[in-house]
Amino acid sequence: MDTPGVSIGGAWLAAEGLEDVLAEDLARRGVVIDRWHGRLALSAHAPLYSPWALDIWAQPEQVEITSIRHAADTLRGRQRNWSLYAAECFRRAGLIEERLPPVKAAPIVFPAPVPTSPLGAWTLLDSATLLFSASKSSPFMNGAPRFVENRTDPPSRAYLKLWEACTRLGRWPEAGAVCYDLGATPGGWTWALASLGARVKAFDRAPLAPSVAAMPGVSFEQASAFGLDPMQLPRADWVFSDIIAYPQRLLRLARHWIDTGQARNLVLTVKFQGQTDHETVAAFEAIAGGALAHLAHNKHELTFFWSHDAARHGVSPLPGLFQTGQAQAQS
């Protein structure tokens, strides 16, 4: 049952195993979680952006339902497309879902634009209480896109993280774009970039997988990502990195590339070990033209996005519904 006297103003969906991290992040933003519903954090506080949320329900509404049909009619009366987050009452939720129009959520063939049709989210708090939001931060069901995977060519599954990052960004390197992959080995990201027709310079102390090194447009330099001088390299359209590094060290690397003006776009994985470094998260968030998001393919990680154009115009590099979440955080 709901906490007596507490209305639900915001709902944030945590990634599995990262509920405590989301709670810590929300607390530093002044949000008190009143209760958890599975991985869904519920609060009387209005929704605001947290990079650790897979999905944020922007307009949660709570309705007492009298029947399965009543619940389905309530949702259909608002809009067509709904995604279920099931944490309990699974059988009853499934029967309600059967009465809703099917959501076309076929796996994505990368590269492809994000879905533009409105997608809401709903759950049963108990057998008689429906919680739903007609709008949410992610265009994907429960914040998790599904891709048609390539299970033969890439040397690791890390490429899915890059695919998701570019899909969320709504942009990716075009054929001929100059890309740097810092800490590239074994080459999952390099493979994904080269498959787009980009010219990829990979840097690492260990060699790439031979199949990736042999791809057209790929070159390799044995070097530390942190020892590079951007001013000694041609200007890059994109700089990517999925390297394992302390967050503060990666922050310095990001600032260095931005300050030198030698990259038009950055996509970097910020990886945490042990306790989450929330101070460094805040420092990344303070970078003009940058934004952080937790991707479904991230572990205890955030992805940092930055673009020269976003910095010049004073906007977030993440478009659409993600920008809505950022705006809420600033309101």
Protein backbone atom coordinates (compact mmCIF):
# COMPACT_ATOMS: atom_id res chain seq x y z
CA MET A 1 0.00 0.00 0.00
CA ASP A 2 1.07 3.61 -0.50
CA THR A 3 2.51 5.66 2.31
CA PRO A 4 -0.53 7.34 3.95
CA GLY A 5 -0.99 10.99 3.01
CA VAL A 6 1.83 11.01 0.45
CA SER A 7 1.00 11.90 -3.14
CA ILE A 8 3.35 10.75 -5.87
CA GLY A 9 4.95 13.64 -7.70
CA GLY A 10 7.90 11.92 -9.36
CA ALA A 11 9.01 8.40 -10.28
CA TRP A 12 12.50 7.30 -11.27
CA LEU A 13 13.38 3.84 -12.61
CA ALA A 14 16.75 2.56 -11.41
CA ALA A 15 18.93 0.08 -13.24
CA GLU A 16 19.07 -3.31 -11.57
CA GLY A 17 21.53 -3.25 -8.68
CA LEU A 18 21.94 0.54 -8.77
CA GLU A 19 18.97 1.49 -6.60
CA ASP A 20 21.23 2.81 -3.82
CA VAL A 21 23.23 4.90 -6.30
CA LEU A 22 20.04 6.48 -7.67
CA ALA A 23 18.84 7.15 -4.11
CA GLU A 24 22.14 8.85 -3.24
CA ASP A 25 22.00 11.00 -6.36
CA LEU A 26 18.40 12.02 -5.77
CA ALA A 27 19.18 12.87 -2.15
CA ARG A 28 21.95 15.27 -3.17
CA ARG A 29 19.39 16.96 -5.44
CA GLY A 30 16.97 17.36 -2.54
CA VAL A 31 14.63 14.48 -3.39
CA VAL A 32 13.39 12.25 -0.56
CA ILE A 33 12.24 8.82 -1.73
CA ASP A 34 9.02 7.92 0.05
CA ARG A 35 8.94 4.30 -1.09
CA TRP A 36 10.31 1.85 -3.62
CA HIS A 37 8.09 -0.10 -5.95
CA GLY A 38 10.50 -2.68 -7.26
CA ARG A 39 13.18 -0.56 -8.95
CA LEU A 40 10.83 2.44 -9.24
CA ALA A 41 11.62 5.21 -6.73
CA LEU A 42 8.51 7.16 -5.77
CA SER A 43 8.52 10.58 -4.16
CA ALA A 44 6.22 13.50 -3.44
CA HIS A 45 8.92 15.67 -5.04
CA ALA A 46 8.31 16.88 -8.59
CA PRO A 47 10.29 14.97 -11.22
CA LEU A 48 13.76 16.28 -11.94
CA TYR A 49 16.66 14.88 -13.89
CA SER A 50 19.00 12.28 -12.44
CA PRO A 51 21.56 10.72 -14.80
CA TRP A 52 21.32 7.48 -12.84
CA ALA A 53 17.66 6.91 -13.79
CA LEU A 54 16.99 4.66 -16.76
CA ASP A 55 13.62 6.34 -17.12
CA ILE A 56 11.84 9.25 -15.41
CA TRP A 57 8.06 9.46 -15.28
CA ALA A 58 7.32 13.12 -15.89
CA GLN A 59 3.62 13.27 -14.97
CA PRO A 60 2.71 10.44 -12.57
CA GLU A 61 -0.99 10.01 -11.81
CA GLN A 62 -2.57 7.62 -9.34
CA VAL A 63 -6.03 6.15 -9.90
CA GLU A 64 -8.04 3.66 -7.87
CA ILE A 65 -9.35 1.03 -10.29
CA THR A 66 -12.42 -1.15 -9.93
CA SER A 67 -11.57 -3.76 -12.56
CA ILE A 68 -9.12 -4.84 -15.24
CA ARG A 69 -11.31 -3.18 -17.83
CA HIS A 70 -11.42 0.05 -15.83
CA ALA A 71 -7.61 0.17 -15.72
CA ALA A 72 -7.27 -0.48 -19.46
CA ASP A 73 -9.96 2.08 -20.32
CA THR A 74 -8.22 4.66 -18.15
CA LEU A 75 -4.95 4.23 -20.03
CA ARG A 76 -6.53 4.02 -23.50
CA GLY A 77 -8.45 7.18 -22.74
CA ARG A 78 -5.18 9.09 -22.46
CA GLN A 79 -3.17 7.81 -25.44
CA ARG A 80 -2.39 4.72 -27.48
CA ASN A 81 1.09 3.52 -26.49
CA TRP A 82 1.94 2.30 -22.99
CA SER A 83 4.82 0.32 -21.49
CA LEU A 84 4.32 -1.79 -18.38
CA TYR A 85 6.71 -1.80 -15.47
CA ALA A 86 5.63 -4.85 -13.48
CA ALA A 87 6.84 -5.13 -9.88
CA GLU A 88 3.91 -7.02 -8.32
CA CYS A 89 0.37 -8.16 -9.20
CA PHE A 90 1.93 -9.70 -12.30
CA ARG A 91 -1.11 -11.72 -13.39
CA ARG A 92 -3.48 -8.78 -13.06
CA ALA A 93 -1.03 -6.45 -14.82
CA GLY A 94 -0.70 -8.96 -17.66
CA LEU A 95 -4.47 -9.08 -18.12
CA ILE A 96 -4.61 -5.29 -18.28
CA GLU A 97 -1.76 -5.24 -20.79
CA GLU A 98 -3.68 -7.67 -23.02
CA ARG A 99 -6.48 -5.08 -23.29
CA LEU A 100 -4.11 -2.34 -24.46
CA PRO A 101 -3.02 -1.76 -28.07
CA PRO A 102 0.25 -3.61 -28.76
CA VAL A 103 3.37 -1.46 -28.76
CA LYS A 104 5.56 -1.92 -31.80
CA ALA A 105 8.93 -2.42 -30.17
CA ALA A 106 10.87 -4.47 -32.70
CA PRO A 107 14.64 -4.63 -32.14
CA ILE A 108 16.49 -1.66 -33.65
CA VAL A 109 18.69 -2.14 -36.70
CA PHE A 110 21.48 0.33 -35.96
CA PRO A 111 21.79 3.09 -37.06
CA ALA A 112 18.19 4.24 -36.78
CA PRO A 113 16.42 7.26 -35.26
CA VAL A 114 14.68 6.93 -31.92
CA PRO A 115 10.92 6.32 -31.93
CA THR A 116 8.91 9.53 -31.98
CA SER A 117 5.46 8.22 -31.04
CA PRO A 118 4.41 9.20 -27.50
CA LEU A 119 5.05 6.37 -25.04
CA GLY A 120 3.72 6.32 -21.50
CA ALA A 121 4.51 4.05 -18.57
CA TRP A 122 2.32 2.36 -15.99
CA THR A 123 2.37 -0.07 -13.11
CA LEU A 124 0.10 -1.54 -10.47
CA LEU A 125 1.03 -0.38 -6.98
CA ASP A 126 -1.45 -2.96 -5.68
CA SER A 127 -4.44 -4.79 -7.10
CA ALA A 128 -6.65 -1.68 -6.90
CA THR A 129 -4.15 1.15 -7.55
CA LEU A 130 -2.91 2.18 -10.98
CA LEU A 131 0.08 4.51 -11.31
CA PHE A 132 0.83 5.88 -14.77
CA SER A 133 2.55 8.72 -16.59
CA ALA A 134 1.63 9.77 -20.12
CA SER A 135 5.15 11.11 -20.69
CA LYS A 136 8.57 9.91 -19.62
CA SER A 137 12.22 10.68 -20.29
CA SER A 138 13.11 7.63 -22.39
CA PRO A 139 11.46 6.77 -25.71
CA PHE A 140 12.08 3.08 -24.95
CA MET A 141 10.16 0.64 -22.79
CA ASN A 142 11.57 0.89 -19.26
CA GLY A 143 14.48 2.88 -20.67
CA ALA A 144 16.06 -0.08 -22.46
CA PRO A 145 16.45 -0.18 -26.26
CA ARG A 146 16.89 -3.57 -27.91
CA PHE A 147 19.14 -3.98 -30.94
CA VAL A 148 19.50 -6.58 -33.66
CA GLU A 149 22.88 -7.82 -32.49
CA ASN A 150 25.91 -8.86 -34.51
CA ARG A 151 27.13 -11.99 -32.76
CA THR A 152 29.98 -12.84 -35.16
CA ASP A 153 32.06 -9.80 -36.16
CA PRO A 154 32.76 -7.59 -33.10
CA PRO A 155 35.41 -8.81 -30.61
CA SER A 156 33.20 -7.99 -27.61
CA ARG A 157 29.64 -6.90 -26.79
CA ALA A 158 30.86 -3.43 -25.82
CA TYR A 159 29.71 -2.17 -29.21
CA LEU A 160 26.12 -2.25 -27.92
CA LYS A 161 27.00 0.52 -25.48
CA LEU A 162 28.22 2.71 -28.34
CA TRP A 163 25.14 1.88 -30.42
CA GLU A 164 22.91 2.89 -27.52
CA ALA A 165 24.89 6.08 -26.88
CA CYS A 166 24.60 7.20 -30.50
CA THR A 167 20.93 6.23 -30.65
CA ARG A 168 20.16 8.27 -27.52
CA LEU A 169 22.21 11.13 -28.93
CA GLY A 170 20.32 10.94 -32.21
CA ARG A 171 23.58 11.28 -34.16
CA TRP A 172 26.52 9.10 -35.12
CA PRO A 173 29.68 9.48 -37.20
CA GLU A 174 29.04 9.75 -40.92
CA ALA A 175 31.11 7.97 -43.53
CA GLY A 176 34.55 9.57 -43.65
CA ALA A 177 34.27 11.22 -40.23
CA VAL A 178 37.55 11.37 -38.26
CA CYS A 179 37.15 9.40 -35.02
CA TYR A 180 39.55 8.63 -32.19
CA ASP A 181 38.92 5.62 -29.96
CA LEU A 182 40.91 6.02 -26.75
CA GLY A 183 41.73 2.81 -24.93
CA ALA A 184 40.28 0.87 -27.82
CA THR A 185 41.42 -2.73 -27.25
CA PRO A 186 40.07 -5.26 -28.10
CA GLY A 187 38.18 -3.00 -30.50
CA GLY A 188 34.43 -3.28 -30.01
CA TRP A 189 33.89 0.46 -30.37
CA THR A 190 36.42 0.72 -33.21
CA TRP A 191 34.53 -2.04 -35.03
CA ALA A 192 31.22 -0.19 -34.59
CA LEU A 193 32.69 3.09 -35.86
CA ALA A 194 34.46 1.52 -38.82
CA SER A 195 31.24 -0.29 -39.74
CA LEU A 196 29.67 3.16 -40.21
CA GLY A 197 32.40 4.05 -42.72
CA ALA A 198 34.26 6.36 -40.32
CA ARG A 199 38.04 6.79 -40.37
CA VAL A 200 39.08 5.47 -36.95
CA LYS A 201 42.39 6.01 -35.20
CA ALA A 202 42.56 3.62 -32.24
CA PHE A 203 44.92 4.20 -29.31
CA ASP A 204 45.86 1.63 -26.68
CA ARG A 205 48.88 0.00 -25.11
CA ALA A 206 47.68 -3.43 -26.27
CA PRO A 207 46.93 -4.28 -29.92
CA LEU A 208 43.49 -4.46 -31.48
CA ALA A 209 41.90 -7.75 -32.38
CA PRO A 210 43.38 -8.63 -35.81
CA SER A 211 39.96 -8.71 -37.49
CA VAL A 212 39.28 -5.13 -36.35
CA ALA A 213 42.76 -3.86 -37.19
CA ALA A 214 42.27 -5.13 -40.74
CA MET A 215 39.02 -3.22 -41.33
CA PRO A 216 39.05 -0.42 -43.94
CA GLY A 217 39.61 2.99 -42.41
CA VAL A 218 41.15 1.66 -39.18
CA SER A 219 44.62 2.64 -38.00
CA PHE A 220 46.28 1.90 -34.67
CA GLU A 221 48.84 3.63 -32.48
CA GLN A 222 50.32 2.02 -29.40
CA ALA A 223 49.89 4.77 -26.85
CA SER A 224 48.22 5.62 -23.56
CA ALA A 225 44.98 7.57 -23.91
CA PHE A 226 46.17 9.85 -21.11
CA GLY A 227 49.55 10.52 -22.69
CA LEU A 228 48.16 11.94 -25.92
CA ASP A 229 48.57 15.61 -26.80
CA PRO A 230 45.44 16.58 -28.75
CA MET A 231 47.32 19.50 -30.31
CA GLN A 232 49.66 17.04 -32.01
CA LEU A 233 46.76 15.26 -33.72
CA PRO A 234 44.42 16.33 -36.53
CA ARG A 235 41.14 17.72 -35.22
CA ALA A 236 38.63 14.94 -34.64
CA ASP A 237 34.96 14.95 -35.48
CA TRP A 238 34.41 12.50 -32.64
CA VAL A 239 36.44 11.29 -29.66
CA PHE A 240 35.19 8.10 -28.03
CA SER A 241 36.43 6.22 -24.97
CA ASP A 242 35.27 3.21 -22.98
CA ILE A 243 38.53 3.01 -21.07
CA ILE A 244 38.76 1.83 -17.45
CA ALA A 245 39.95 4.85 -15.46
CA TYR A 246 39.25 6.69 -12.24
CA PRO A 247 36.44 9.22 -12.81
CA GLN A 248 38.60 12.20 -11.81
CA ARG A 249 41.26 11.19 -14.31
CA LEU A 250 38.67 10.87 -17.06
CA LEU A 251 37.29 14.29 -16.07
CA ARG A 252 40.73 15.81 -16.63
CA LEU A 253 40.97 14.06 -19.99
CA ALA A 254 37.56 15.36 -21.08
CA ARG A 255 38.40 18.92 -20.03
CA HIS A 256 41.75 18.73 -21.85
CA TRP A 257 40.14 17.73 -25.14
CA ILE A 258 37.45 20.38 -24.75
CA ASP A 259 39.92 23.13 -23.82
CA THR A 260 42.18 22.41 -26.79
CA GLY A 261 39.25 22.57 -29.22
CA GLN A 262 40.50 19.45 -30.97
CA ALA A 263 37.19 17.55 -30.92
CA ARG A 264 33.72 18.45 -32.09
CA ASN A 265 32.03 15.65 -30.11
CA LEU A 266 32.92 13.51 -27.10
CA VAL A 267 31.31 10.26 -25.96
CA LEU A 268 33.06 8.86 -22.89
CA THR A 269 32.17 6.17 -20.36
CA VAL A 270 32.65 7.30 -16.76
CA LYS A 271 33.31 4.16 -14.72
CA PHE A 272 33.01 3.92 -10.96
CA GLN A 273 34.65 1.45 -8.60
CA GLY A 274 33.31 0.91 -5.11
CA GLN A 275 31.57 4.05 -3.88
CA THR A 276 30.07 6.40 -6.47
CA ASP A 277 32.05 9.63 -6.81
CA HIS A 278 29.11 12.07 -6.82
CA GLU A 279 31.41 15.10 -6.68
CA THR A 280 32.97 14.13 -10.00
CA VAL A 281 29.49 13.50 -11.42
CA ALA A 282 28.61 17.08 -10.47
CA ALA A 283 31.82 18.34 -12.10
CA PHE A 284 30.95 16.58 -15.36
CA GLU A 285 27.44 18.04 -15.19
CA ALA A 286 28.89 21.54 -14.83
CA ILE A 287 30.67 21.35 -18.20
CA ALA A 288 28.88 23.59 -20.71
CA GLY A 289 27.59 21.60 -23.67
CA GLY A 290 27.80 18.33 -21.77
CA ALA A 291 25.35 15.85 -20.26
CA LEU A 292 25.42 12.54 -18.41
CA ALA A 293 23.09 9.57 -18.78
CA HIS A 294 22.97 6.01 -17.53
CA LEU A 295 22.48 3.68 -20.48
CA ALA A 296 20.79 0.31 -20.28
CA HIS A 297 24.10 -1.24 -21.39
CA ASN A 298 26.09 0.62 -18.70
CA LYS A 299 27.06 -1.13 -15.49
CA HIS A 300 28.19 1.06 -12.55
CA GLU A 301 28.84 3.73 -15.17
CA LEU A 302 27.54 6.88 -16.76
CA THR A 303 28.07 8.04 -20.33
CA PHE A 304 29.28 11.61 -20.84
CA PHE A 305 28.16 13.40 -23.97
CA TRP A 306 29.60 16.72 -25.14
CA SER A 307 29.43 18.66 -28.37
CA HIS A 308 30.99 21.91 -29.53
CA ASP A 309 27.69 23.05 -31.03
CA ALA A 310 25.78 22.39 -27.80
CA ALA A 311 28.37 24.36 -25.82
CA ARG A 312 28.20 27.25 -28.30
CA HIS A 313 24.40 27.43 -28.06
CA GLY A 314 24.16 26.75 -24.34
CA VAL A 315 22.01 23.62 -24.67
CA SER A 316 22.19 19.95 -23.79
CA PRO A 317 23.70 17.65 -26.43
CA LEU A 318 21.00 15.08 -25.66
CA PRO A 319 17.89 15.92 -27.68
CA GLY A 320 14.18 15.47 -27.23
CA LEU A 321 12.85 13.78 -24.11
CA PHE A 322 16.20 13.80 -22.37
CA GLN A 323 16.28 17.58 -22.73
CA THR A 324 12.86 17.69 -21.07
CA GLY A 325 14.39 15.97 -18.06
CA GLN A 326 17.28 18.43 -18.01
CA ALA A 327 14.87 21.36 -18.16
CA GLN A 328 12.92 19.98 -15.21
CA ALA A 329 16.13 19.75 -13.24
CA GLN A 330 16.78 23.43 -13.84
CA SER A 331 13.24 24.66 -13.12
